[in-house]
PDB file of N, CA and C in Angstrom:
ATOM      1  N   MET A   1      -6.088 -34.560   6.851  1.00  0.00           N
ATOM      2  CA  MET A   1      -7.323 -34.217   6.170  1.00  0.00           C
ATOM      3  C   MET A   1      -7.075 -33.091   5.171  1.00  0.00           C
ATOM      4  N   PHE A   2      -7.766 -33.167   4.085  1.00  0.00           N
ATOM      5  CA  PHE A   2      -7.752 -32.054   3.148  1.00  0.00           C
ATOM      6  C   PHE A   2      -8.681 -30.979   3.686  1.00  0.00           C
ATOM      7  N   SER A   3      -8.401 -29.720   3.388  1.00  0.00           N
ATOM      8  CA  SER A   3      -9.254 -28.645   3.892  1.00  0.00           C
ATOM      9  C   SER A   3     -10.680 -28.771   3.359  1.00  0.00           C
ATOM     10  N   ASP A   4     -10.835 -29.391   2.190  1.00  0.00           N
ATOM     11  CA  ASP A   4     -12.175 -29.568   1.633  1.00  0.00           C
ATOM     12  C   ASP A   4     -12.727 -30.963   1.926  1.00  0.00           C
ATOM     13  N   GLY A   5     -12.096 -31.702   2.836  1.00  0.00           N
ATOM     14  CA  GLY A   5     -12.571 -33.021   3.220  1.00  0.00           C
ATOM     15  C   GLY A   5     -11.778 -34.127   2.541  1.00  0.00           C
ATOM     16  N   LEU A   6     -11.875 -35.296   3.119  1.00  0.00           N
ATOM     17  CA  LEU A   6     -11.234 -36.487   2.575  1.00  0.00           C
ATOM     18  C   LEU A   6     -12.192 -37.104   1.561  1.00  0.00           C
ATOM     19  N   ARG A   7     -11.713 -37.395   0.404  1.00  0.00           N
ATOM     20  CA  ARG A   7     -12.570 -37.909  -0.658  1.00  0.00           C
ATOM     21  C   ARG A   7     -12.970 -39.368  -0.393  1.00  0.00           C
ATOM     22  N   LEU A   8     -14.248 -39.653  -0.508  1.00  0.00           N
ATOM     23  CA  LEU A   8     -14.774 -41.011  -0.442  1.00  0.00           C
ATOM     24  C   LEU A   8     -15.000 -41.448  -1.882  1.00  0.00           C
ATOM     25  N   ARG A   9     -14.334 -42.514  -2.273  1.00  0.00           N
ATOM     26  CA  ARG A   9     -14.349 -42.939  -3.679  1.00  0.00           C
ATOM     27  C   ARG A   9     -15.081 -44.264  -3.856  1.00  0.00           C
ATOM     28  N   GLY A  10     -15.411 -44.557  -5.103  1.00  0.00           N
ATOM     29  CA  GLY A  10     -16.127 -45.777  -5.441  1.00  0.00           C
ATOM     30  C   GLY A  10     -15.257 -47.011  -5.486  1.00  0.00           C
ATOM     31  N   GLY A  11     -13.959 -46.851  -5.445  1.00  0.00           N
ATOM     32  CA  GLY A  11     -13.030 -47.979  -5.479  1.00  0.00           C
ATOM     33  C   GLY A  11     -11.684 -47.561  -4.944  1.00  0.00           C
ATOM     34  N   PRO A  12     -10.770 -48.532  -4.782  1.00  0.00           N
ATOM     35  CA  PRO A  12      -9.457 -48.253  -4.215  1.00  0.00           C
ATOM     36  C   PRO A  12      -8.457 -47.689  -5.229  1.00  0.00           C
ATOM     37  N   GLY A  13      -8.603 -46.426  -5.559  1.00  0.00           N
ATOM     38  CA  GLY A  13      -7.674 -45.791  -6.487  1.00  0.00           C
ATOM     39  C   GLY A  13      -8.043 -44.345  -6.750  1.00  0.00           C
ATOM     40  N   ALA A  14      -7.029 -43.537  -7.028  1.00  0.00           N
ATOM     41  CA  ALA A  14      -7.247 -42.107  -7.268  1.00  0.00           C
ATOM     42  C   ALA A  14      -8.048 -41.860  -8.545  1.00  0.00           C
ATOM     43  N   HIS A  15      -8.121 -42.840  -9.421  1.00  0.00           N
ATOM     44  CA  HIS A  15      -8.869 -42.701 -10.677  1.00  0.00           C
ATOM     45  C   HIS A  15     -10.361 -43.007 -10.503  1.00  0.00           C
ATOM     46  N   GLU A  16     -10.742 -43.559  -9.342  1.00  0.00           N
ATOM     47  CA  GLU A  16     -12.141 -43.932  -9.098  1.00  0.00           C
ATOM     48  C   GLU A  16     -12.998 -42.689  -8.861  1.00  0.00           C
ATOM     49  N   PRO A  17     -14.295 -42.764  -9.176  1.00  0.00           N
ATOM     50  CA  PRO A  17     -15.162 -41.600  -8.989  1.00  0.00           C
ATOM     51  C   PRO A  17     -15.294 -41.209  -7.515  1.00  0.00           C
ATOM     52  N   VAL A  18     -15.397 -39.905  -7.277  1.00  0.00           N
ATOM     53  CA  VAL A  18     -15.582 -39.381  -5.924  1.00  0.00           C
ATOM     54  C   VAL A  18     -17.070 -39.356  -5.618  1.00  0.00           C
ATOM     55  N   TRP A  19     -17.456 -39.978  -4.487  1.00  0.00           N
ATOM     56  CA  TRP A  19     -18.865 -40.038  -4.087  1.00  0.00           C
ATOM     57  C   TRP A  19     -19.211 -38.945  -3.099  1.00  0.00           C
ATOM     58  N   GLY A  20     -18.213 -38.409  -2.429  1.00  0.00           N
ATOM     59  CA  GLY A  20     -18.483 -37.370  -1.438  1.00  0.00           C
ATOM     60  C   GLY A  20     -17.247 -37.062  -0.628  1.00  0.00           C
ATOM     61  N   GLN A  21     -17.441 -36.280   0.423  1.00  0.00           N
ATOM     62  CA  GLN A  21     -16.345 -35.852   1.276  1.00  0.00           C
ATOM     63  C   GLN A  21     -16.584 -36.328   2.703  1.00  0.00           C
ATOM     64  N   LEU A  22     -15.505 -36.706   3.376  1.00  0.00           N
ATOM     65  CA  LEU A  22     -15.539 -37.059   4.791  1.00  0.00           C
ATOM     66  C   LEU A  22     -14.765 -36.000   5.550  1.00  0.00           C
ATOM     67  N   TYR A  23     -15.169 -35.772   6.799  1.00  0.00           N
ATOM     68  CA  TYR A  23     -14.536 -34.733   7.604  1.00  0.00           C
ATOM     69  C   TYR A  23     -14.070 -35.302   8.935  1.00  0.00           C
ATOM     70  N   GLU A  24     -13.212 -34.555   9.616  1.00  0.00           N
ATOM     71  CA  GLU A  24     -12.592 -35.010  10.850  1.00  0.00           C
ATOM     72  C   GLU A  24     -13.619 -35.439  11.903  1.00  0.00           C
ATOM     73  N   SER A  25     -14.764 -34.816  11.917  1.00  0.00           N
ATOM     74  CA  SER A  25     -15.790 -35.158  12.914  1.00  0.00           C
ATOM     75  C   SER A  25     -16.574 -36.423  12.550  1.00  0.00           C
ATOM     76  N   ASP A  26     -16.400 -36.941  11.342  1.00  0.00           N
ATOM     77  CA  ASP A  26     -17.117 -38.142  10.917  1.00  0.00           C
ATOM     78  C   ASP A  26     -16.524 -39.393  11.571  1.00  0.00           C
ATOM     79  N   THR A  27     -17.389 -40.352  11.898  1.00  0.00           N
ATOM     80  CA  THR A  27     -16.946 -41.620  12.478  1.00  0.00           C
ATOM     81  C   THR A  27     -17.062 -42.704  11.410  1.00  0.00           C
ATOM     82  N   LEU A  28     -15.968 -43.461  11.253  1.00  0.00           N
ATOM     83  CA  LEU A  28     -15.901 -44.505  10.229  1.00  0.00           C
ATOM     84  C   LEU A  28     -15.549 -45.838  10.856  1.00  0.00           C
ATOM     85  N   THR A  29     -15.975 -46.906  10.197  1.00  0.00           N
ATOM     86  CA  THR A  29     -15.503 -48.247  10.516  1.00  0.00           C
ATOM     87  C   THR A  29     -14.752 -48.746   9.290  1.00  0.00           C
ATOM     88  N   VAL A  30     -13.510 -49.181   9.492  1.00  0.00           N
ATOM     89  CA  VAL A  30     -12.720 -49.744   8.392  1.00  0.00           C
ATOM     90  C   VAL A  30     -13.067 -51.219   8.281  1.00  0.00           C
ATOM     91  N   THR A  31     -13.509 -51.632   7.097  1.00  0.00           N
ATOM     92  CA  THR A  31     -13.922 -53.021   6.893  1.00  0.00           C
ATOM     93  C   THR A  31     -12.885 -53.839   6.139  1.00  0.00           C
ATOM     94  N   GLU A  32     -11.947 -53.151   5.465  1.00  0.00           N
ATOM     95  CA  GLU A  32     -10.950 -53.850   4.649  1.00  0.00           C
ATOM     96  C   GLU A  32      -9.883 -52.854   4.239  1.00  0.00           C
ATOM     97  N   CYS A  33      -8.681 -53.344   3.986  1.00  0.00           N
ATOM     98  CA  CYS A  33      -7.621 -52.502   3.431  1.00  0.00           C
ATOM     99  C   CYS A  33      -7.062 -53.180   2.185  1.00  0.00           C
ATOM    100  N   GLN A  34      -6.742 -52.355   1.200  1.00  0.00           N
ATOM    101  CA  GLN A  34      -6.161 -52.835  -0.050  1.00  0.00           C
ATOM    102  C   GLN A  34      -5.063 -51.857  -0.427  1.00  0.00           C
ATOM    103  N   GLY A  35      -3.819 -52.266  -0.228  1.00  0.00           N
ATOM    104  CA  GLY A  35      -2.708 -51.358  -0.493  1.00  0.00           C
ATOM    105  C   GLY A  35      -2.809 -50.131   0.398  1.00  0.00           C
ATOM    106  N   ASN A  36      -2.827 -48.958  -0.208  1.00  0.00           N
ATOM    107  CA  ASN A  36      -2.913 -47.694   0.533  1.00  0.00           C
ATOM    108  C   ASN A  36      -4.347 -47.198   0.681  1.00  0.00           C
ATOM    109  N   TRP A  37      -5.314 -48.087   0.496  1.00  0.00           N
ATOM    110  CA  TRP A  37      -6.719 -47.689   0.527  1.00  0.00           C
ATOM    111  C   TRP A  37      -7.477 -48.454   1.602  1.00  0.00           C
ATOM    112  N   ALA A  38      -8.406 -47.762   2.255  1.00  0.00           N
ATOM    113  CA  ALA A  38      -9.243 -48.358   3.289  1.00  0.00           C
ATOM    114  C   ALA A  38     -10.695 -48.339   2.823  1.00  0.00           C
ATOM    115  N   HIS A  39     -11.356 -49.483   2.918  1.00  0.00           N
ATOM    116  CA  HIS A  39     -12.790 -49.565   2.646  1.00  0.00           C
ATOM    117  C   HIS A  39     -13.483 -49.203   3.949  1.00  0.00           C
ATOM    118  N   VAL A  40     -14.302 -48.164   3.928  1.00  0.00           N
ATOM    119  CA  VAL A  40     -14.896 -47.635   5.160  1.00  0.00           C
ATOM    120  C   VAL A  40     -16.420 -47.586   5.074  1.00  0.00           C
ATOM    121  N   ARG A  41     -17.037 -47.642   6.256  1.00  0.00           N
ATOM    122  CA  ARG A  41     -18.483 -47.462   6.389  1.00  0.00           C
ATOM    123  C   ARG A  41     -18.706 -46.283   7.326  1.00  0.00           C
ATOM    124  N   LEU A  42     -19.532 -45.356   6.913  1.00  0.00           N
ATOM    125  CA  LEU A  42     -19.843 -44.172   7.702  1.00  0.00           C
ATOM    126  C   LEU A  42     -20.824 -44.530   8.809  1.00  0.00           C
ATOM    127  N   GLU A  43     -20.495 -44.148  10.035  1.00  0.00           N
ATOM    128  CA  GLU A  43     -21.350 -44.383  11.201  1.00  0.00           C
ATOM    129  C   GLU A  43     -22.015 -43.060  11.562  1.00  0.00           C
ATOM    130  N   GLY A  44     -23.251 -42.885  11.174  1.00  0.00           N
ATOM    131  CA  GLY A  44     -23.939 -41.611  11.376  1.00  0.00           C
ATOM    132  C   GLY A  44     -23.827 -40.761  10.123  1.00  0.00           C
ATOM    133  N   ARG A  45     -24.563 -39.699  10.080  1.00  0.00           N
ATOM    134  CA  ARG A  45     -24.551 -38.800   8.922  1.00  0.00           C
ATOM    135  C   ARG A  45     -23.250 -38.009   8.889  1.00  0.00           C
ATOM    136  N   SER A  46     -22.695 -37.844   7.703  1.00  0.00           N
ATOM    137  CA  SER A  46     -21.444 -37.111   7.520  1.00  0.00           C
ATOM    138  C   SER A  46     -21.670 -35.610   7.606  1.00  0.00           C
ATOM    139  N   ALA A  47     -20.661 -34.913   8.074  1.00  0.00           N
ATOM    140  CA  ALA A  47     -20.703 -33.446   8.070  1.00  0.00           C
ATOM    141  C   ALA A  47     -20.856 -32.921   6.646  1.00  0.00           C
ATOM    142  N   GLY A  48     -20.466 -33.740   5.665  1.00  0.00           N
ATOM    143  CA  GLY A  48     -20.600 -33.366   4.263  1.00  0.00           C
ATOM    144  C   GLY A  48     -21.923 -33.775   3.642  1.00  0.00           C
ATOM    145  N   GLY A  49     -22.814 -34.399   4.448  1.00  0.00           N
ATOM    146  CA  GLY A  49     -24.138 -34.746   3.947  1.00  0.00           C
ATOM    147  C   GLY A  49     -24.323 -36.185   3.516  1.00  0.00           C
ATOM    148  N   LEU A  50     -23.274 -37.009   3.583  1.00  0.00           N
ATOM    149  CA  LEU A  50     -23.433 -38.418   3.224  1.00  0.00           C
ATOM    150  C   LEU A  50     -24.296 -39.120   4.268  1.00  0.00           C
ATOM    151  N   ARG A  51     -25.059 -40.103   3.841  1.00  0.00           N
ATOM    152  CA  ARG A  51     -25.977 -40.814   4.730  1.00  0.00           C
ATOM    153  C   ARG A  51     -25.251 -41.835   5.610  1.00  0.00           C
ATOM    154  N   ASP A  52     -25.841 -42.082   6.766  1.00  0.00           N
ATOM    155  CA  ASP A  52     -25.381 -43.127   7.670  1.00  0.00           C
ATOM    156  C   ASP A  52     -25.315 -44.445   6.908  1.00  0.00           C
ATOM    157  N   GLY A  53     -24.224 -45.185   7.067  1.00  0.00           N
ATOM    158  CA  GLY A  53     -24.073 -46.473   6.415  1.00  0.00           C
ATOM    159  C   GLY A  53     -23.445 -46.424   5.039  1.00  0.00           C
ATOM    160  N   THR A  54     -23.169 -45.223   4.530  1.00  0.00           N
ATOM    161  CA  THR A  54     -22.520 -45.096   3.224  1.00  0.00           C
ATOM    162  C   THR A  54     -21.163 -45.798   3.268  1.00  0.00           C
ATOM    163  N   VAL A  55     -20.844 -46.555   2.228  1.00  0.00           N
ATOM    164  CA  VAL A  55     -19.553 -47.240   2.145  1.00  0.00           C
ATOM    165  C   VAL A  55     -18.780 -46.736   0.934  1.00  0.00           C
ATOM    166  N   GLY A  56     -17.467 -46.828   1.024  1.00  0.00           N
ATOM    167  CA  GLY A  56     -16.605 -46.415  -0.068  1.00  0.00           C
ATOM    168  C   GLY A  56     -15.154 -46.577   0.340  1.00  0.00           C
ATOM    169  N   TRP A  57     -14.274 -46.009  -0.455  1.00  0.00           N
ATOM    170  CA  TRP A  57     -12.829 -46.139  -0.251  1.00  0.00           C
ATOM    171  C   TRP A  57     -12.197 -44.768  -0.041  1.00  0.00           C
ATOM    172  N   SER A  58     -11.236 -44.720   0.880  1.00  0.00           N
ATOM    173  CA  SER A  58     -10.470 -43.497   1.132  1.00  0.00           C
ATOM    174  C   SER A  58      -9.007 -43.860   1.338  1.00  0.00           C
ATOM    175  N   ALA A  59      -8.135 -42.897   1.111  1.00  0.00           N
ATOM    176  CA  ALA A  59      -6.704 -43.111   1.331  1.00  0.00           C
ATOM    177  C   ALA A  59      -6.475 -43.442   2.808  1.00  0.00           C
ATOM    178  N   SER A  60      -5.882 -44.607   3.072  1.00  0.00           N
ATOM    179  CA  SER A  60      -5.759 -45.091   4.447  1.00  0.00           C
ATOM    180  C   SER A  60      -4.864 -44.203   5.318  1.00  0.00           C
ATOM    181  N   ARG A  61      -3.933 -43.476   4.733  1.00  0.00           N
ATOM    182  CA  ARG A  61      -3.049 -42.644   5.561  1.00  0.00           C
ATOM    183  C   ARG A  61      -3.798 -41.512   6.259  1.00  0.00           C
ATOM    184  N   TYR A  62      -5.006 -41.203   5.798  1.00  0.00           N
ATOM    185  CA  TYR A  62      -5.803 -40.144   6.424  1.00  0.00           C
ATOM    186  C   TYR A  62      -6.895 -40.687   7.344  1.00  0.00           C
ATOM    187  N   VAL A  63      -7.034 -42.010   7.405  1.00  0.00           N
ATOM    188  CA  VAL A  63      -8.041 -42.629   8.270  1.00  0.00           C
ATOM    189  C   VAL A  63      -7.326 -43.028   9.562  1.00  0.00           C
ATOM    190  N   LEU A  64      -7.602 -42.294  10.629  1.00  0.00           N
ATOM    191  CA  LEU A  64      -6.890 -42.492  11.888  1.00  0.00           C
ATOM    192  C   LEU A  64      -7.802 -43.075  12.949  1.00  0.00           C
ATOM    193  N   PRO A  65      -7.229 -43.883  13.863  1.00  0.00           N
ATOM    194  CA  PRO A  65      -8.058 -44.411  14.952  1.00  0.00           C
ATOM    195  C   PRO A  65      -8.492 -43.297  15.899  1.00  0.00           C
ATOM    196  N   ALA A  66      -9.649 -43.489  16.494  1.00  0.00           N
ATOM    197  CA  ALA A  66     -10.151 -42.514  17.462  1.00  0.00           C
ATOM    198  C   ALA A  66      -9.288 -42.567  18.717  1.00  0.00           C
ATOM    199  N   PRO A  67      -9.042 -41.422  19.350  1.00  0.00           N
ATOM    200  CA  PRO A  67      -8.260 -41.431  20.590  1.00  0.00           C
ATOM    201  C   PRO A  67      -9.034 -42.109  21.711  1.00  0.00           C
ATOM    202  N   VAL A  68      -8.305 -42.712  22.616  1.00  0.00           N
ATOM    203  CA  VAL A  68      -8.918 -43.364  23.775  1.00  0.00           C
ATOM    204  C   VAL A  68      -9.310 -42.273  24.771  1.00  0.00           C
ATOM    205  N   PRO A  69     -10.558 -42.257  25.232  1.00  0.00           N
ATOM    206  CA  PRO A  69     -10.969 -41.230  26.187  1.00  0.00           C
ATOM    207  C   PRO A  69     -10.144 -41.283  27.470  1.00  0.00           C
ATOM    208  N   GLU A  70      -9.889 -40.132  28.049  1.00  0.00           N
ATOM    209  CA  GLU A  70      -9.097 -40.030  29.266  1.00  0.00           C
ATOM    210  C   GLU A  70      -9.668 -40.869  30.398  1.00  0.00           C
ATOM    211  N   ILE A  71     -10.971 -40.940  30.505  1.00  0.00           N
ATOM    212  CA  ILE A  71     -11.585 -41.659  31.614  1.00  0.00           C
ATOM    213  C   ILE A  71     -11.209 -43.135  31.603  1.00  0.00           C
ATOM    214  N   SER A  72     -11.059 -43.730  30.414  1.00  0.00           N
ATOM    215  CA  SER A  72     -10.730 -45.152  30.359  1.00  0.00           C
ATOM    216  C   SER A  72      -9.315 -45.407  30.858  1.00  0.00           C
ATOM    217  N   ARG A  73      -8.413 -44.419  30.735  1.00  0.00           N
ATOM    218  CA  ARG A  73      -7.057 -44.573  31.237  1.00  0.00           C
ATOM    219  C   ARG A  73      -7.004 -44.418  32.743  1.00  0.00           C
ATOM    220  N   ALA A  74      -8.015 -43.769  33.313  1.00  0.00           N
ATOM    221  CA  ALA A  74      -8.028 -43.502  34.750  1.00  0.00           C
ATOM    222  C   ALA A  74      -8.674 -44.621  35.555  1.00  0.00           C
ATOM    223  N   LEU A  75      -9.258 -45.620  34.903  1.00  0.00           N
ATOM    224  CA  LEU A  75      -9.917 -46.691  35.626  1.00  0.00           C
ATOM    225  C   LEU A  75      -8.885 -47.588  36.308  1.00  0.00           C
ATOM    226  N   PRO A  76      -9.206 -48.066  37.512  1.00  0.00           N
ATOM    227  CA  PRO A  76      -8.286 -48.970  38.200  1.00  0.00           C
ATOM    228  C   PRO A  76      -8.194 -50.309  37.476  1.00  0.00           C
ATOM    229  N   PRO A  77      -7.098 -51.053  37.663  1.00  0.00           N
ATOM    230  CA  PRO A  77      -6.958 -52.360  37.021  1.00  0.00           C
ATOM    231  C   PRO A  77      -8.131 -53.275  37.357  1.00  0.00           C
ATOM    232  N   GLY A  78      -8.551 -54.070  36.390  1.00  0.00           N
ATOM    233  CA  GLY A  78      -9.628 -55.015  36.585  1.00  0.00           C
ATOM    234  C   GLY A  78     -11.003 -54.482  36.256  1.00  0.00           C
ATOM    235  N   CYS A  79     -11.110 -53.201  35.953  1.00  0.00           N
ATOM    236  CA  CYS A  79     -12.420 -52.621  35.612  1.00  0.00           C
ATOM    237  C   CYS A  79     -12.684 -52.728  34.133  1.00  0.00           C
TER     238      CYS A  79
END
């Protein structure tokens, strides 16, 4: 993450306009990938003020999967 947030852009490229910033606490759904870019949808309001459901493009190397909660690893087989 950049200290000032991950840029959400209007298209898959560094030349595309910046629509806002995403932060580590924001939850995203990746809907598509194009080269080094991920098309994402914001789930909930962004720490940077973007609205729930906002879509755009961000550099995929900074979009990481959420960690699996510890409790799910502790469940017995078959649960």
